[in-house]
C-alpha atoms as a PDB file:
ATOM      1  CA  MET A   1      73.525  64.993 222.657  1.00  0.00           C
ATOM      2  CA  HIS A   2      74.646  61.548 223.824  1.00  0.00           C
ATOM      3  CA  HIS A   3      71.055  60.309 224.060  1.00  0.00           C
ATOM      4  CA  HIS A   4      70.326  61.368 220.482  1.00  0.00           C
ATOM      5  CA  LEU A   5      73.183  59.335 219.033  1.00  0.00           C
ATOM      6  CA  ASP A   6      71.296  56.101 219.646  1.00  0.00           C
ATOM      7  CA  VAL A   7      68.176  57.627 218.095  1.00  0.00           C
ATOM      8  CA  TYR A   8      70.066  58.503 214.918  1.00  0.00           C
ATOM      9  CA  ALA A   9      71.684  55.062 214.787  1.00  0.00           C
ATOM     10  CA  TYR A  10      68.284  53.349 214.975  1.00  0.00           C
ATOM     11  CA  GLN A  11      66.394  55.738 212.667  1.00  0.00           C
ATOM     12  CA  ASN A  12      68.891  56.532 209.913  1.00  0.00           C
ATOM     13  CA  ARG A  13      68.076  55.669 206.293  1.00  0.00           C
ATOM     14  CA  LEU A  14      70.806  53.012 206.139  1.00  0.00           C
ATOM     15  CA  ARG A  15      69.469  51.179 209.190  1.00  0.00           C
ATOM     16  CA  GLN A  16      68.320  48.094 207.266  1.00  0.00           C
ATOM     17  CA  ILE A  17      71.582  47.677 205.369  1.00  0.00           C
ATOM     18  CA  ALA A  18      73.573  44.729 206.754  1.00  0.00           C
ATOM     19  CA  PRO A  19      75.959  45.898 209.511  1.00  0.00           C
ATOM     20  CA  VAL A  20      78.812  43.854 208.037  1.00  0.00           C
ATOM     21  CA  GLN A  21      78.473  45.768 204.745  1.00  0.00           C
ATOM     22  CA  LYS A  22      78.562  49.178 206.448  1.00  0.00           C
ATOM     23  CA  PHE A  23      81.311  48.160 208.841  1.00  0.00           C
ATOM     24  CA  GLY A  24      83.436  46.675 206.054  1.00  0.00           C
ATOM     25  CA  PHE A  25      83.037  49.839 203.986  1.00  0.00           C
ATOM     26  CA  ALA A  26      84.054  52.082 206.898  1.00  0.00           C
ATOM     27  CA  ILE A  27      87.091  49.938 207.755  1.00  0.00           C
ATOM     28  CA  ALA A  28      88.215  49.869 204.111  1.00  0.00           C
ATOM     29  CA  VAL A  29      88.036  53.664 203.904  1.00  0.00           C
ATOM     30  CA  LEU A  30      89.785  53.902 207.278  1.00  0.00           C
ATOM     31  CA  LEU A  31      92.704  51.859 205.970  1.00  0.00           C
ATOM     32  CA  ILE A  32      92.889  54.010 202.845  1.00  0.00           C
ATOM     33  CA  ALA A  33      92.782  57.197 204.921  1.00  0.00           C
ATOM     34  CA  SER A  34      95.726  56.027 207.012  1.00  0.00           C
ATOM     35  CA  ILE A  35      98.089  55.693 204.025  1.00  0.00           C
ATOM     36  CA  VAL A  36      97.076  58.362 201.483  1.00  0.00           C
ATOM     37  CA  HIS A  37      98.182  61.988 201.214  1.00  0.00           C
ATOM     38  CA  PRO A  38      96.241  64.961 202.700  1.00  0.00           C
ATOM     39  CA  THR A  39      94.552  65.875 199.391  1.00  0.00           C
ATOM     40  CA  VAL A  40      92.907  62.457 199.155  1.00  0.00           C
ATOM     41  CA  GLN A  41      92.073  62.595 202.852  1.00  0.00           C
ATOM     42  CA  VAL A  42      90.105  65.797 202.272  1.00  0.00           C
ATOM     43  CA  LEU A  43      88.106  63.947 199.617  1.00  0.00           C
ATOM     44  CA  ILE A  44      87.477  61.134 202.112  1.00  0.00           C
ATOM     45  CA  VAL A  45      86.060  63.606 204.650  1.00  0.00           C
ATOM     46  CA  VAL A  46      83.742  65.079 201.990  1.00  0.00           C
ATOM     47  CA  TRP A  47      82.722  61.653 200.651  1.00  0.00           C
ATOM     48  CA  LEU A  48      81.831  60.233 204.061  1.00  0.00           C
ATOM     49  CA  ALA A  49      79.929  63.424 204.886  1.00  0.00           C
ATOM     50  CA  ILE A  50      77.828  62.731 201.771  1.00  0.00           C
ATOM     51  CA  TRP A  51      77.220  59.157 202.958  1.00  0.00           C
ATOM     52  CA  THR A  52      76.339  60.179 206.511  1.00  0.00           C
ATOM     53  CA  ILE A  53      74.309  63.321 205.791  1.00  0.00           C
ATOM     54  CA  GLY A  54      72.958  62.551 202.327  1.00  0.00           C
ATOM     55  CA  TYR A  55      72.349  58.800 202.400  1.00  0.00           C
ATOM     56  CA  ALA A  56      71.799  58.159 206.115  1.00  0.00           C
ATOM     57  CA  ARG A  57      69.925  61.465 206.566  1.00  0.00           C
ATOM     58  CA  ILE A  58      71.805  62.457 209.703  1.00  0.00           C
ATOM     59  CA  PRO A  59      71.296  66.192 210.416  1.00  0.00           C
ATOM     60  CA  ALA A  60      74.261  68.165 209.153  1.00  0.00           C
ATOM     61  CA  LYS A  61      74.348  70.264 212.339  1.00  0.00           C
ATOM     62  CA  VAL A  62      74.755  67.197 214.552  1.00  0.00           C
ATOM     63  CA  TYR A  63      77.357  65.622 212.288  1.00  0.00           C
ATOM     64  CA  PHE A  64      79.529  68.723 212.055  1.00  0.00           C
ATOM     65  CA  GLN A  65      79.197  69.372 215.787  1.00  0.00           C
ATOM     66  CA  LEU A  66      80.820  66.028 216.532  1.00  0.00           C
ATOM     67  CA  LEU A  67      83.418  66.568 213.816  1.00  0.00           C
ATOM     68  CA  THR A  68      84.168  69.992 215.318  1.00  0.00           C
ATOM     69  CA  VAL A  69      84.648  68.465 218.769  1.00  0.00           C
ATOM     70  CA  ALA A  70      87.185  66.053 217.290  1.00  0.00           C
ATOM     71  CA  GLY A  71      88.860  68.977 215.517  1.00  0.00           C
ATOM     72  CA  ILE A  72      89.170  70.907 218.794  1.00  0.00           C
ATOM     73  CA  PHE A  73      90.984  67.988 220.401  1.00  0.00           C
ATOM     74  CA  LEU A  74      93.306  67.899 217.398  1.00  0.00           C
ATOM     75  CA  LEU A  75      94.018  71.622 217.700  1.00  0.00           C
ATOM     76  CA  MET A  76      94.992  71.124 221.338  1.00  0.00           C
ATOM     77  CA  SER A  77      97.780  68.781 220.249  1.00  0.00           C
ATOM     78  CA  ILE A  78      99.153  71.048 217.499  1.00  0.00           C
ATOM     79  CA  PRO A  79     101.389  73.263 219.724  1.00  0.00           C
ATOM     80  CA  ALA A  80     103.419  70.210 220.762  1.00  0.00           C
ATOM     81  CA  LEU A  81     104.189  69.541 217.086  1.00  0.00           C
ATOM     82  CA  VAL A  82     104.649  73.103 215.875  1.00  0.00           C
ATOM     83  CA  ILE A  83     106.614  74.741 218.693  1.00  0.00           C
ATOM     84  CA  ASN A  84     110.196  73.583 219.225  1.00  0.00           C
ATOM     85  CA  ALA A  85     112.962  74.754 221.523  1.00  0.00           C
ATOM     86  CA  VAL A  86     116.745  74.840 221.174  1.00  0.00           C
ATOM     87  CA  SER A  87     119.518  76.450 223.150  1.00  0.00           C
ATOM     88  CA  ILE A  88     120.699  79.898 222.140  1.00  0.00           C
ATOM     89  CA  ASP A  89     123.943  78.416 220.806  1.00  0.00           C
ATOM     90  CA  GLN A  90     122.050  76.331 218.215  1.00  0.00           C
ATOM     91  CA  ILE A  91     119.975  79.114 216.618  1.00  0.00           C
ATOM     92  CA  ALA A  92     122.028  79.053 213.419  1.00  0.00           C
ATOM     93  CA  SER A  93     121.204  75.383 212.811  1.00  0.00           C
ATOM     94  CA  ILE A  94     117.423  75.952 212.713  1.00  0.00           C
ATOM     95  CA  ARG A  95     117.236  79.086 210.533  1.00  0.00           C
ATOM     96  CA  VAL A  96     115.989  77.095 207.529  1.00  0.00           C
ATOM     97  CA  ASP A  97     113.215  75.443 209.546  1.00  0.00           C
ATOM     98  CA  GLU A  98     112.234  78.510 211.578  1.00  0.00           C
ATOM     99  CA  ILE A  99     109.151  80.594 210.774  1.00  0.00           C
ATOM    100  CA  GLN A 100     109.112  82.826 213.845  1.00  0.00           C
ATOM    101  CA  GLY A 101     110.836  82.622 217.202  1.00  0.00           C
ATOM    102  CA  VAL A 102     111.526  84.299 220.519  1.00  0.00           C
ATOM    103  CA  ALA A 103     114.394  84.016 223.020  1.00  0.00           C
ATOM    104  CA  LEU A 104     113.560  83.079 226.603  1.00  0.00           C
ATOM    105  CA  GLY A 105     116.627  83.054 228.802  1.00  0.00           C
ATOM    106  CA  SER A 106     119.068  80.487 227.468  1.00  0.00           C
ATOM    107  CA  TRP A 107     116.427  78.873 225.237  1.00  0.00           C
ATOM    108  CA  TYR A 108     115.003  79.852 221.873  1.00  0.00           C
ATOM    109  CA  LEU A 109     111.374  78.942 221.127  1.00  0.00           C
ATOM    110  CA  PHE A 110     110.387  78.888 217.478  1.00  0.00           C
ATOM    111  CA  ILE A 111     107.586  77.795 215.165  1.00  0.00           C
ATOM    112  CA  SER A 112     108.882  74.973 212.973  1.00  0.00           C
ATOM    113  CA  ARG A 113     108.087  74.810 209.269  1.00  0.00           C
ATOM    114  CA  SER A 114     108.451  71.029 209.246  1.00  0.00           C
ATOM    115  CA  GLY A 115     106.308  70.873 212.387  1.00  0.00           C
ATOM    116  CA  MET A 116     103.548  72.816 210.610  1.00  0.00           C
ATOM    117  CA  MET A 117     103.623  70.347 207.734  1.00  0.00           C
ATOM    118  CA  GLN A 118     103.584  67.394 210.118  1.00  0.00           C
ATOM    119  CA  ALA A 119     100.678  68.895 212.086  1.00  0.00           C
ATOM    120  CA  ALA A 120      98.696  69.404 208.868  1.00  0.00           C
ATOM    121  CA  GLN A 121      99.311  65.815 207.784  1.00  0.00           C
ATOM    122  CA  ILE A 122      98.383  64.343 211.168  1.00  0.00           C
ATOM    123  CA  GLY A 123      95.344  66.603 211.441  1.00  0.00           C
ATOM    124  CA  MET A 124      93.919  65.610 208.061  1.00  0.00           C
ATOM    125  CA  ARG A 125      94.613  61.923 208.680  1.00  0.00           C
ATOM    126  CA  SER A 126      92.875  62.129 212.052  1.00  0.00           C
ATOM    127  CA  LEU A 127      89.836  63.948 210.635  1.00  0.00           C
ATOM    128  CA  SER A 128      89.449  61.462 207.789  1.00  0.00           C
ATOM    129  CA  CYS A 129      89.706  58.510 210.203  1.00  0.00           C
ATOM    130  CA  THR A 130      87.246  60.239 212.554  1.00  0.00           C
ATOM    131  CA  SER A 131      84.795  60.553 209.655  1.00  0.00           C
ATOM    132  CA  CYS A 132      84.940  56.762 209.231  1.00  0.00           C
ATOM    133  CA  LEU A 133      84.246  56.206 212.912  1.00  0.00           C
ATOM    134  CA  LEU A 134      81.349  58.697 212.854  1.00  0.00           C
ATOM    135  CA  PHE A 135      79.841  56.797 209.945  1.00  0.00           C
ATOM    136  CA  ILE A 136      79.883  53.630 212.067  1.00  0.00           C
ATOM    137  CA  LEU A 137      78.522  55.504 215.083  1.00  0.00           C
ATOM    138  CA  PHE A 138      75.587  57.034 213.197  1.00  0.00           C
ATOM    139  CA  THR A 139      74.578  54.093 211.009  1.00  0.00           C
ATOM    140  CA  ILE A 140      75.183  50.950 213.117  1.00  0.00           C
ATOM    141  CA  PRO A 141      73.380  50.590 216.472  1.00  0.00           C
ATOM    142  CA  PHE A 142      75.580  49.311 219.241  1.00  0.00           C
ATOM    143  CA  THR A 143      73.629  46.065 219.612  1.00  0.00           C
ATOM    144  CA  ASP A 144      74.165  45.283 215.922  1.00  0.00           C
ATOM    145  CA  LEU A 145      77.832  46.121 216.335  1.00  0.00           C
ATOM    146  CA  LEU A 146      78.139  43.655 219.210  1.00  0.00           C
ATOM    147  CA  HIS A 147      76.430  40.953 217.129  1.00  0.00           C
ATOM    148  CA  LEU A 148      78.862  41.656 214.315  1.00  0.00           C
ATOM    149  CA  PHE A 149      81.866  41.400 216.640  1.00  0.00           C
ATOM    150  CA  ARG A 150      80.635  38.056 217.920  1.00  0.00           C
ATOM    151  CA  GLN A 151      80.163  36.801 214.372  1.00  0.00           C
ATOM    152  CA  LEU A 152      83.737  37.871 213.633  1.00  0.00           C
ATOM    153  CA  ARG A 153      84.898  35.804 216.640  1.00  0.00           C
ATOM    154  CA  VAL A 154      86.080  38.807 218.633  1.00  0.00           C
ATOM    155  CA  PRO A 155      86.919  37.586 222.173  1.00  0.00           C
ATOM    156  CA  THR A 156      83.935  37.733 224.517  1.00  0.00           C
ATOM    157  CA  LEU A 157      85.912  39.688 227.096  1.00  0.00           C
ATOM    158  CA  ILE A 158      86.486  42.531 224.616  1.00  0.00           C
ATOM    159  CA  THR A 159      82.832  42.729 223.523  1.00  0.00           C
ATOM    160  CA  GLU A 160      81.604  42.754 227.110  1.00  0.00           C
ATOM    161  CA  LEU A 161      84.100  45.453 228.049  1.00  0.00           C
ATOM    162  CA  LEU A 162      82.836  47.514 225.111  1.00  0.00           C
ATOM    163  CA  LEU A 163      79.258  47.049 226.299  1.00  0.00           C
ATOM    164  CA  LEU A 164      80.121  48.110 229.844  1.00  0.00           C
ATOM    165  CA  MET A 165      82.089  51.133 228.637  1.00  0.00           C
ATOM    166  CA  TYR A 166      79.203  52.114 226.352  1.00  0.00           C
ATOM    167  CA  ARG A 167      76.761  51.848 229.242  1.00  0.00           C
ATOM    168  CA  PHE A 168      78.898  53.730 231.752  1.00  0.00           C
ATOM    169  CA  ILE A 169      79.566  56.592 229.361  1.00  0.00           C
ATOM    170  CA  PHE A 170      75.809  57.211 229.402  1.00  0.00           C
ATOM    171  CA  LEU A 171      75.712  56.889 233.184  1.00  0.00           C
ATOM    172  CA  PHE A 172      78.561  59.375 233.469  1.00  0.00           C
ATOM    173  CA  PHE A 173      76.818  61.952 231.283  1.00  0.00           C
ATOM    174  CA  ASP A 174      73.559  61.428 233.172  1.00  0.00           C
ATOM    175  CA  VAL A 175      75.293  62.226 236.448  1.00  0.00           C
ATOM    176  CA  VAL A 176      76.918  65.359 234.990  1.00  0.00           C
ATOM    177  CA  THR A 177      73.586  66.550 233.579  1.00  0.00           C
ATOM    178  CA  GLU A 178      71.747  65.995 236.872  1.00  0.00           C
ATOM    179  CA  LEU A 179      74.362  67.840 238.912  1.00  0.00           C
ATOM    180  CA  GLN A 180      74.558  70.748 236.482  1.00  0.00           C
ATOM    181  CA  LEU A 181      70.786  71.183 236.431  1.00  0.00           C
ATOM    182  CA  ALA A 182      70.657  71.116 240.229  1.00  0.00           C
ATOM    183  CA  GLN A 183      73.403  73.724 240.462  1.00  0.00           C
ATOM    184  CA  GLN A 184      71.830  75.975 237.826  1.00  0.00           C
ATOM    185  CA  ALA A 185      68.478  75.815 239.620  1.00  0.00           C
ATOM    186  CA  ARG A 186      70.225  77.101 242.769  1.00  0.00           C
ATOM    187  CA  GLY A 187      72.086  79.873 240.952  1.00  0.00           C
ATOM    188  CA  GLY A 188      75.414  78.112 241.113  1.00  0.00           C
ATOM    189  CA  TYR A 189      76.883  79.836 238.039  1.00  0.00           C
ATOM    190  CA  ARG A 190      75.864  83.454 238.641  1.00  0.00           C
ATOM    191  CA  THR A 191      79.308  84.888 239.343  1.00  0.00           C
ATOM    192  CA  ARG A 192      82.841  83.843 238.476  1.00  0.00           C
ATOM    193  CA  LYS A 193      83.632  82.919 242.085  1.00  0.00           C
ATOM    194  CA  ARG A 194      80.408  80.965 242.384  1.00  0.00           C
ATOM    195  CA  TRP A 195      81.108  79.263 239.050  1.00  0.00           C
ATOM    196  CA  MET A 196      84.515  78.032 240.218  1.00  0.00           C
ATOM    197  CA  TYR A 197      83.037  76.755 243.479  1.00  0.00           C
ATOM    198  CA  SER A 198      80.238  74.944 241.600  1.00  0.00           C
ATOM    199  CA  VAL A 199      82.677  73.288 239.193  1.00  0.00           C
ATOM    200  CA  GLY A 200      84.798  72.065 242.102  1.00  0.00           C
ATOM    201  CA  LEU A 201      81.715  70.712 243.847  1.00  0.00           C
ATOM    202  CA  LEU A 202      80.608  69.030 240.624  1.00  0.00           C
ATOM    203  CA  ILE A 203      83.947  67.257 240.239  1.00  0.00           C
ATOM    204  CA  SER A 204      83.970  66.137 243.873  1.00  0.00           C
ATOM    205  CA  GLN A 205      80.446  64.725 243.657  1.00  0.00           C
ATOM    206  CA  LEU A 206      80.918  63.127 240.273  1.00  0.00           C
ATOM    207  CA  LEU A 207      82.899  60.124 241.529  1.00  0.00           C
ATOM    208  CA  VAL A 208      80.523  59.518 244.454  1.00  0.00           C
ATOM    209  CA  ARG A 209      77.395  59.624 242.285  1.00  0.00           C
ATOM    210  CA  SER A 210      79.021  57.485 239.591  1.00  0.00           C
ATOM    211  CA  LEU A 211      79.882  54.818 242.172  1.00  0.00           C
ATOM    212  CA  HIS A 212      76.288  54.873 243.406  1.00  0.00           C
ATOM    213  CA  HIS A 213      75.026  54.344 239.855  1.00  0.00           C
ATOM    214  CA  TYR A 214      77.511  51.520 239.393  1.00  0.00           C
ATOM    215  CA  ARG A 215      76.224  49.840 242.559  1.00  0.00           C
ATOM    216  CA  ASP A 216      72.623  50.162 241.329  1.00  0.00           C
ATOM    217  CA  PHE A 217      73.637  48.735 237.963  1.00  0.00           C
ATOM    218  CA  SER A 218      75.327  45.740 239.622  1.00  0.00           C
ATOM    219  CA  LEU A 219      72.290  45.079 241.829  1.00  0.00           C
ATOM    220  CA  ALA A 220      70.020  45.218 238.770  1.00  0.00           C
ATOM    221  CA  LEU A 221      72.197  42.660 236.974  1.00  0.00           C
ATOM    222  CA  ASN A 222      72.177  40.296 239.953  1.00  0.00           C
ATOM    223  CA  ALA A 223      68.416  40.650 240.324  1.00  0.00           C
ATOM    224  CA  ARG A 224      67.981  39.552 236.702  1.00  0.00           C
ATOM    225  CA  GLY A 225      70.126  36.437 237.146  1.00  0.00           C
ATOM    226  CA  PHE A 226      73.301  37.655 235.469  1.00  0.00           C
ATOM    227  CA  ASN A 227      75.541  34.646 234.833  1.00  0.00           C
ATOM    228  CA  GLY A 228      78.660  36.402 233.568  1.00  0.00           C
ATOM    229  CA  THR A 229      77.660  36.744 229.879  1.00  0.00           C
ATOM    230  CA  PHE A 230      75.694  39.610 228.353  1.00  0.00           C
ATOM    231  CA  GLU A 231      73.036  38.567 225.864  1.00  0.00           C
ATOM    232  CA  VAL A 232      72.031  41.171 223.279  1.00  0.00           C
ATOM    233  CA  TYR A 233      68.913  40.772 221.137  1.00  0.00           C
ATOM    234  CA  SER A 234      68.546  42.421 217.722  1.00  0.00           C
ATOM    235  CA  PRO A 235      65.300  41.547 215.866  1.00  0.00           C
ATOM    236  CA  GLN A 236      65.947  43.899 212.934  1.00  0.00           C
ATOM    237  CA  LYS A 237      66.013  42.324 209.457  1.00  0.00           C
ATOM    238  CA  HIS A 238      68.940  43.345 207.285  1.00  0.00           C
ATOM    239  CA  TYR A 239      69.765  43.051 203.603  1.00  0.00           C
ATOM    240  CA  TYR A 240      72.757  43.679 201.343  1.00  0.00           C
ATOM    241  CA  SER A 241      72.490  46.613 198.957  1.00  0.00           C
ATOM    242  CA  ARG A 242      74.058  46.036 195.547  1.00  0.00           C
ATOM    243  CA  ARG A 243      73.893  49.724 194.693  1.00  0.00           C
ATOM    244  CA  TYR A 244      75.793  50.844 197.805  1.00  0.00           C
ATOM    245  CA  ALA A 245      78.275  47.988 197.411  1.00  0.00           C
ATOM    246  CA  ILE A 246      79.100  49.039 193.842  1.00  0.00           C
ATOM    247  CA  GLU A 247      79.319  52.703 194.810  1.00  0.00           C
ATOM    248  CA  SER A 248      81.605  51.994 197.772  1.00  0.00           C
ATOM    249  CA  VAL A 249      83.927  49.747 195.741  1.00  0.00           C
ATOM    250  CA  LEU A 250      84.179  52.257 192.887  1.00  0.00           C
ATOM    251  CA  GLY A 251      84.771  55.073 195.354  1.00  0.00           C
ATOM    252  CA  CYS A 252      87.575  53.228 197.133  1.00  0.00           C
ATOM    253  CA  LEU A 253      89.200  52.359 193.813  1.00  0.00           C
ATOM    254  CA  GLY A 254      88.924  55.982 192.750  1.00  0.00           C
ATOM    255  CA  LEU A 255      90.648  57.151 195.928  1.00  0.00           C
ATOM    256  CA  LEU A 256      93.493  54.677 195.390  1.00  0.00           C
ATOM    257  CA  LEU A 257      93.891  55.756 191.759  1.00  0.00           C
ATOM    258  CA  LEU A 258      94.076  59.410 192.809  1.00  0.00           C
ATOM    259  CA  GLU A 259      96.741  58.534 195.372  1.00  0.00           C
ATOM    260  CA  PHE A 260      98.921  56.627 192.906  1.00  0.00           C
ATOM    261  CA  ARG A 261      98.542  59.262 190.183  1.00  0.00           C
END
């Protein structure tokens, strides 16, 4: 899927809208999502889904797949918020907050009511903020984003680190894909024992192959006369949309009014 993300960023229906307009809209909604209550955050998730799927014409399946991946990572962090532990002597002090519990030796593990509320709040805030970041990911190509950062006077070191990280994420996934295909072609995942051996071999070879790709990347840069500064070219013409500007401003004001009411 990682290769298709660039395709969607370059071919979406909002491609010709000025990156600063889209980026400013996403950051404004991100700031709102970080301070409002969960009910308004649900509306933010729905609203940005309309922008990304309806206006930018990103396939709903792809969008919700990425949102689901983010949700899975959030679910993995919920047990740390929901499950608490106290000593047996302190059980009486947590009866109001306890939903269900079990005694294990001298400790009492229980599901916290306040922890459930906190997990719900953090989860909705994270999903709404993730929706803002997905909007940027699907509608602004990375080269345009780098140009925007340079126009905003972001330090060159940070932009170049972002470019290198962006490039090496693709290299990393390429290595994983190549190794998995080679193992599948040799029947490396036929049985459970064989599957565990193949996964271990994949992990051991991943670092070696990644370092080889890094060496090739460095040699390619030196062969092209790299002088320490990455130059990114973006010939695309952009324009500011009055309609989307008005809609985004009214939407943000509506979210703030709902929060205060």
